[in-house]
Protein backbone atom coordinates (compact mmCIF):
# COMPACT_ATOMS: atom_id res chain seq x y z
CA MET A 1 -9.06 -1.25 -24.50
CA SER A 2 -6.06 -3.47 -23.61
CA THR A 3 -6.70 -6.03 -20.84
CA THR A 4 -2.97 -6.73 -20.34
CA PRO A 5 -1.78 -5.98 -16.83
CA GLN A 6 0.47 -2.95 -16.73
CA LEU A 7 3.30 -4.02 -14.54
CA LEU A 8 5.19 -1.45 -12.38
CA ASN A 9 8.79 -0.62 -13.04
CA SER A 10 11.61 -0.95 -10.50
CA ALA A 11 11.54 2.80 -9.65
CA GLN A 12 7.81 2.63 -8.83
CA VAL A 13 8.23 -0.47 -6.59
CA ALA A 14 11.16 1.22 -4.89
CA ARG A 15 8.90 4.26 -4.27
CA PHE A 16 6.32 1.94 -2.73
CA VAL A 17 9.04 0.41 -0.50
CA ALA A 18 10.13 3.83 0.58
CA GLN A 19 6.71 5.55 1.00
CA GLY A 20 4.48 2.58 1.76
CA PHE A 21 1.85 3.44 -0.77
CA LEU A 22 1.18 4.01 -4.42
CA ARG A 23 -1.54 6.23 -6.02
CA LEU A 24 -3.31 5.51 -9.22
CA ASP A 25 -5.32 8.62 -9.84
CA GLY A 26 -8.57 8.34 -11.87
CA VAL A 27 -7.84 4.86 -13.25
CA VAL A 28 -11.44 3.63 -12.88
CA PRO A 29 -13.75 4.92 -15.62
CA PRO A 30 -16.96 6.86 -14.81
CA GLU A 31 -19.34 4.08 -15.74
CA MET A 32 -17.61 1.77 -13.23
CA ASN A 33 -17.74 4.45 -10.56
CA ALA A 34 -21.48 4.61 -11.11
CA GLN A 35 -21.69 0.89 -10.92
CA ALA A 36 -19.74 0.86 -7.63
CA LEU A 37 -22.21 3.17 -5.91
CA GLY A 38 -25.09 0.83 -6.94
CA ALA A 39 -23.15 -2.22 -5.71
CA PHE A 40 -22.31 -0.65 -2.42
CA ALA A 41 -25.92 0.33 -1.81
CA GLY A 42 -26.88 -3.36 -2.13
CA GLY A 43 -24.35 -4.39 0.49
CA LEU A 44 -21.10 -6.39 0.18
CA PRO A 45 -21.11 -10.25 -0.07
CA SER A 46 -19.41 -12.12 2.63
CA VAL A 47 -15.90 -13.29 1.79
CA PRO A 48 -14.08 -15.75 4.06
CA TYR A 49 -10.51 -14.95 4.99
CA GLY A 50 -8.03 -16.34 2.41
CA THR A 51 -10.38 -16.71 -0.48
CA PRO A 52 -8.85 -16.66 -4.05
CA VAL A 53 -9.94 -13.71 -6.13
CA PRO A 54 -12.06 -15.69 -8.59
CA LYS A 55 -14.04 -17.30 -5.79
CA ALA A 56 -14.32 -14.06 -3.76
CA PHE A 57 -15.54 -11.90 -6.67
CA PRO A 58 -17.65 -13.64 -9.35
CA GLU A 59 -16.92 -12.68 -12.95
CA GLY A 60 -18.88 -9.47 -13.93
CA SER A 61 -19.07 -8.23 -10.35
CA PHE A 62 -17.84 -4.72 -9.68
CA ALA A 63 -14.99 -5.95 -7.43
CA ARG A 64 -13.77 -8.36 -10.05
CA ARG A 65 -13.89 -5.70 -12.74
CA LEU A 66 -12.02 -3.35 -10.45
CA VAL A 67 -9.14 -5.68 -9.79
CA GLU A 68 -8.86 -6.68 -13.42
CA LEU A 69 -8.41 -3.15 -14.71
CA PRO A 70 -4.98 -3.28 -16.39
CA ALA A 71 -3.39 -0.54 -14.21
CA VAL A 72 -4.81 -2.05 -11.01
CA ALA A 73 -4.06 -5.67 -12.00
CA GLY A 74 -0.52 -4.81 -13.02
CA ALA A 75 0.24 -2.96 -9.83
CA LEU A 76 -1.15 -5.73 -7.66
CA GLU A 77 0.79 -8.44 -9.56
CA SER A 78 3.94 -6.33 -9.20
CA LEU A 79 3.55 -6.12 -5.47
CA VAL A 80 1.84 -9.30 -4.28
CA GLY A 81 2.12 -11.55 -7.33
CA PRO A 82 -0.28 -13.49 -9.37
CA ASP A 83 -3.30 -15.28 -7.81
CA PRO A 84 -3.45 -13.44 -4.44
CA GLU A 85 -5.97 -14.29 -1.85
CA VAL A 86 -8.47 -11.87 -0.47
CA ASP A 87 -7.94 -11.45 3.27
CA HIS A 88 -11.06 -9.37 3.65
CA HIS A 89 -12.98 -6.53 2.09
CA ALA A 90 -14.98 -3.69 3.64
CA LEU A 91 -16.84 -0.49 2.81
CA HIS A 92 -16.05 2.59 4.89
CA ILE A 93 -18.59 5.36 4.73
CA ARG A 94 -18.18 8.88 6.16
CA GLU A 95 -21.52 10.70 6.46
CA PRO A 96 -21.74 14.45 5.81
CA ARG A 97 -20.70 16.59 8.86
CA GLU A 98 -20.57 13.62 11.18
CA GLY A 99 -17.90 15.28 13.28
CA SER A 100 -15.64 12.33 13.93
CA ALA A 101 -12.37 10.87 12.58
CA GLN A 102 -10.51 7.60 12.90
CA PRO A 103 -7.46 7.55 15.13
CA LEU A 104 -4.13 7.10 13.38
CA HIS A 105 -3.44 3.34 13.17
CA ALA A 106 -1.97 0.45 11.27
CA ASP A 107 -4.30 -2.36 10.24
CA ALA A 108 -4.61 -5.74 11.95
CA LEU A 109 -2.32 -7.17 14.60
CA ILE A 110 1.33 -6.33 14.78
CA ASP A 111 3.12 -7.90 11.77
CA LEU A 112 6.83 -8.43 12.00
CA ARG A 113 7.36 -10.23 8.64
CA PRO A 114 10.63 -8.79 7.23
CA ASP A 115 10.35 -10.48 3.89
CA ALA A 116 6.62 -10.31 2.95
CA PHE A 117 3.75 -7.84 3.15
CA ASP A 118 0.04 -7.68 2.31
CA VAL A 119 -1.35 -4.94 0.11
CA GLN A 120 -4.49 -3.01 0.87
CA LEU A 121 -6.39 -1.56 -2.05
CA MET A 122 -8.45 1.57 -1.26
CA TYR A 123 -10.81 2.83 -3.92
CA TYR A 124 -12.72 6.16 -4.09
CA PRO A 125 -15.70 6.19 -6.47
CA ARG A 126 -16.32 9.91 -6.04
CA GLU A 127 -13.99 12.88 -6.08
CA VAL A 128 -12.54 13.54 -2.64
CA THR A 129 -12.18 17.19 -1.92
CA ALA A 130 -10.35 18.84 1.04
CA ASP A 131 -13.53 19.42 3.05
CA MET A 132 -14.53 15.77 2.62
CA GLY A 133 -11.61 14.73 4.81
CA GLY A 134 -10.06 11.88 2.92
CA THR A 135 -7.66 9.21 4.12
CA LEU A 136 -4.70 10.45 6.11
CA VAL A 137 -1.47 8.62 5.41
CA VAL A 138 2.01 9.22 6.97
CA PRO A 139 4.57 8.34 4.23
CA GLY A 140 7.44 6.10 5.20
CA THR A 141 5.87 4.75 8.45
CA HIS A 142 5.05 1.30 7.18
CA LEU A 143 8.24 -0.37 8.40
CA ARG A 144 8.00 1.19 11.89
CA ARG A 145 5.94 -1.59 13.39
CA VAL A 146 3.15 -0.74 15.73
CA ASN A 147 0.14 -2.69 17.06
CA GLU A 148 -3.03 -1.33 15.51
CA SER A 149 -3.98 1.96 17.34
CA ASP A 150 -0.74 2.34 19.33
CA THR A 151 -0.32 5.56 17.42
CA GLY A 152 -3.92 6.75 18.08
CA ARG A 153 -2.68 9.41 20.58
CA TYR A 154 -0.95 11.33 17.80
CA GLN A 155 -3.14 13.92 16.14
CA ASN A 156 -0.85 15.24 13.44
CA LEU A 157 2.65 14.32 12.25
CA ARG A 158 4.96 16.37 10.05
CA GLY A 159 4.76 15.26 6.41
CA GLN A 160 1.36 13.54 6.70
CA THR A 161 -0.81 13.65 3.63
CA ARG A 162 -4.60 13.86 3.45
CA LEU A 163 -5.95 12.37 0.28
CA THR A 164 -7.72 14.64 -2.19
CA CYS A 165 -8.25 12.90 -5.55
CA PRO A 166 -10.44 12.62 -8.63
CA ALA A 167 -13.22 10.05 -8.85
CA GLY A 168 -12.00 6.55 -9.67
CA THR A 169 -8.79 6.79 -7.78
CA VAL A 170 -7.12 3.68 -6.29
CA MET A 171 -4.45 3.61 -3.59
CA LEU A 172 -2.31 0.55 -2.86
CA LEU A 173 -0.97 0.48 0.67
CA HIS A 174 1.58 -1.66 2.55
CA HIS A 175 -0.33 -3.19 5.42
CA GLY A 176 1.82 -1.45 8.00
CA ILE A 177 1.29 2.17 6.91
CA TRP A 178 0.00 4.59 9.58
CA HIS A 179 -3.28 6.02 8.34
CA GLY A 180 -6.79 7.03 9.39
CA GLY A 181 -10.00 8.25 7.88
CA ARG A 182 -10.50 11.96 8.56
CA ARG A 183 -13.87 13.49 9.39
CA ASN A 184 -16.16 14.62 6.57
CA ASP A 185 -16.96 18.36 6.82
CA SER A 186 -18.75 18.44 3.50
CA ASP A 187 -22.45 17.87 2.51
CA THR A 188 -21.44 14.75 0.37
CA VAL A 189 -21.26 11.16 1.57
CA ARG A 190 -17.65 9.82 1.25
CA HIS A 191 -17.14 6.13 0.20
CA MET A 192 -13.94 4.19 0.44
CA TYR A 193 -13.87 0.47 -0.56
CA LYS A 194 -10.98 -1.61 0.79
CA ILE A 195 -9.70 -5.02 -0.21
CA ARG A 196 -6.70 -6.62 1.58
CA PHE A 197 -4.70 -9.07 -0.43
CA ASN A 198 -2.36 -11.81 0.82
CA PRO A 199 0.52 -13.00 -1.50
CA THR A 200 0.55 -16.70 -2.39
CA VAL A 201 4.03 -16.61 -4.07
CA PRO A 202 7.45 -15.25 -2.88
CA GLN A 203 7.46 -11.45 -3.52
CA VAL A 204 10.65 -11.53 -5.62
CA ARG A 205 11.08 -9.63 -8.90
CA LEU A 206 7.38 -9.69 -9.76
CA TRP A 207 7.49 -6.37 -11.68
CA ASP A 208 9.17 -5.17 -14.91
CA THR A 209 12.83 -5.27 -13.83
CA ALA A 210 14.37 -3.56 -16.94
CA ASP A 211 15.39 -0.58 -14.84
CA LEU A 212 16.51 -2.65 -11.78
CA ASP A 213 20.00 -1.23 -11.88
CA GLY A 214 18.96 2.25 -12.67
CA PRO A 215 19.87 5.24 -10.41
CA ALA A 216 16.20 5.97 -9.69
CA VAL A 217 15.90 2.87 -7.49
CA ARG A 218 18.54 4.10 -5.09
CA GLU A 219 17.18 7.62 -5.13
CA GLU A 220 13.72 6.41 -4.17
CA LEU A 221 15.03 4.14 -1.37
CA SER A 222 17.16 6.97 0.05
CA ARG A 223 14.19 9.42 0.63
CA THR A 224 13.68 10.87 4.06
CA PHE A 225 10.34 12.12 5.50
CA PRO A 226 9.71 15.07 7.87
CA TRP A 227 8.17 12.94 10.75
CA CYS A 228 11.56 11.61 11.83
CA GLU A 229 15.00 13.11 12.50
CA GLN A 230 18.16 12.22 10.72
CA ALA A 231 19.30 9.33 12.97
CA THR A 232 15.85 7.73 12.84
CA ALA A 233 15.64 8.28 9.05
CA ARG A 234 18.79 6.15 8.69
CA LEU A 235 17.05 3.30 10.49
CA GLU A 236 14.06 3.53 8.11
CA ILE A 237 16.41 3.37 5.15
CA LEU A 238 18.11 0.36 6.62
CA ASN A 239 14.69 -1.33 6.90
CA ARG A 240 14.01 -0.54 3.26
CA VAL A 241 17.39 -1.91 2.18
CA ARG A 242 16.62 -5.23 3.92
CA LEU A 243 13.18 -5.41 2.23
CA TRP A 244 14.62 -4.49 -1.13
CA ARG A 245 17.26 -7.22 -0.83
CA THR A 246 14.39 -9.67 -0.57
CA LEU A 247 12.20 -8.18 -3.30
CA SER A 248 15.00 -7.74 -5.78
CA GLY A 249 16.68 -11.07 -5.02
CA ASP A 250 19.94 -9.18 -4.53
CA PRO A 251 21.35 -10.03 -1.07
CA ASP A 252 24.27 -7.59 -1.59
CA PHE A 253 22.21 -4.45 -2.27
CA ASP A 254 23.10 -1.61 0.06
CA ILE A 255 23.06 2.12 0.66
CA GLU A 256 26.10 3.75 2.30
CA HIS A 257 27.37 0.24 3.37
CA TRP A 258 24.96 0.25 6.39
CA ALA A 259 23.37 -3.16 5.98
CA THR A 260 26.72 -4.76 4.91
CA ARG A 261 28.52 -3.42 7.87
CA ILE A 262 25.71 -4.63 10.36
CA ASP A 263 25.49 -8.04 8.77
CA ASN A 264 29.23 -8.61 8.91
CA ARG A 265 30.00 -11.97 10.69
CA PRO A 266 33.58 -12.97 9.86
CA VAL A 267 34.32 -16.68 10.22
CA GLN A 268 37.50 -17.32 12.21
CA ARG A 269 40.17 -18.91 9.96
CA ARG A 270 41.86 -22.10 11.14
CA THR A 271 45.57 -22.03 11.45
CA ALA A 272 47.66 -25.06 10.45
């Protein structure tokens, strides 16, 4: 099996910028899923904030094998770059029929960085069925900045998705996405293992840019989502344009001339 990281293409990165997450369904093989459950039962090792991956996860450990899978490694490198640091990791367990759910929230303190972002990896070692609840995500909310559980009063939003997936699925999320763990109404324990990664390099053209000028990039960045009306949707697209300008290294990229118009600051010409 190849160990070469499988970099994302420009359309996939643009989809991440628009939606705030990327799914890699069933990329972890069954034997690793079995290893994961054993590793989780033994408890997670302590990892100080900002630890490089090789120091955080020793070679041969489950977490190290997980992040070195070609599809996972390539997606991480495409989004946060080589040699990221581990902000923290945690195991979330939902017991059978426990009857409670997480409020809708964005992780950590309010984060206003317009030109950088952390990526959160969420891994599911078992199949997640509809009655197991899964992780609820509201696509496109990641650039609408909130402070942690400011959104906790909202129970349901139009367009939200509740994850159902095969065993071995990995999701990569922008740190600002609105999400929450739903209650588990099944008879099976639900595990979700999370690792948050901090970039250590500028997040500029880290992916396979062969299709950078292709029409799919603009199509992805122009998506709208049901939770916001037309006027608000335009503001979200503008936020994406600004982020894409940074990620692509193209300060002139635009959709419908919106960013160009707003950024226009003519310099007064001197007269002789």
